[in-house]
Amino acid sequence: MTLNLSAVGKTTAELVHTYTWKDVVLYALSIGAKRDGELAYLFEGEGPKVFPSYAVVPAFIANAALFDAIGGNMLGVVHGGQAIRLHKPFAPAGTLKTVGKVAGVYDLKRMATTIVTTETRDEKGELVCETEWSIIYRLDGGFDGPPPPKRDEAKAPARPCDWSFEESTSKEQAALYRLNGDLNPLHIDPKIGESAGFGHPILHGLCTYGYVCRAVIANECAGDPSKLKYLSGQFRKPVWPGDTLITEGWREDGRIVLRVSAKERPGDYVFSGGYATLG
């Protein structure tokens, strides 16, 4: 099934996501949250607080609803980049309504990429967050479509970082993260990992993204998730469950420029081109 250029502009209906404190605790655990220092994200007696990167979870169903309209070979699909913009903190539990839109289908010649955007509102109709998803179709390029627009990327400065945050993932990290609703078998089925060309299952890019979110909150927000207003970046290379992630941050021009490497492969940057803003 080839990519469908006429899908551009297609929107979903309002898609409902109802969650409880157990769901946000599961999300926190799936992105590596620890009892020591992050108990408020794990204990309902303290809220719990909700990591801002939870913004991607109510948007899963919107993306799934638009995949059929976009088309393409799902075996070649990987996450290219992600951005979230927060307008208010998430409640510890509630009902959210998300509308998704196909913002673009672009030809990279050898590959292709699509952009999906979402808006999520709470029970009062107030805007909670917006997301932008860049999805790479590794097997669907060369259809004479338009090229993608220039990205707003941030390059790591040529100086030592202002802070570094190191944490390990577990061998079961992808198995845990998929319980949030991202059920792509690439992250759990060895046969799919092999046929997709990776050799074995890879970690969700959005799991790495959650680790980046935690690093920013720990190093820039004094543990207060409401201070994080925007987070973006590009997924450059696969992360294997069990890898140790090293997130580096630079304070530059009112933004925190971010870059992540896998400790097991020095200089192998798995996430870059992104930044965070605070408010």
Foldseek 3Di string as FASTA:
>chain_A
DAFDQVQAFDKDDWDKDWWALVLQLLQCVLLPDDCVPQVLSNDVVNQNFHAPLCVVLSCLVRVVVSDVVGDADPLQKAWWKKKKFFDFGDGSTAMKIKMKGWNGWAAPQQWIKTKMKMWIAGPVRDTGMIMITIMIRRHHHDPPGHHDDDDQFDADDPDAFPDKDKDWFAQCSQVSNCVSPVPPCLQPDQVSVVVSPNNGRFHHPSSVVSNLSVVCCVPPVVVDNRFWGMKMKTFDDTHHGGWMKMWTWHCDPQKTFIWIDTPVDPPHTGIGRMIIHTD
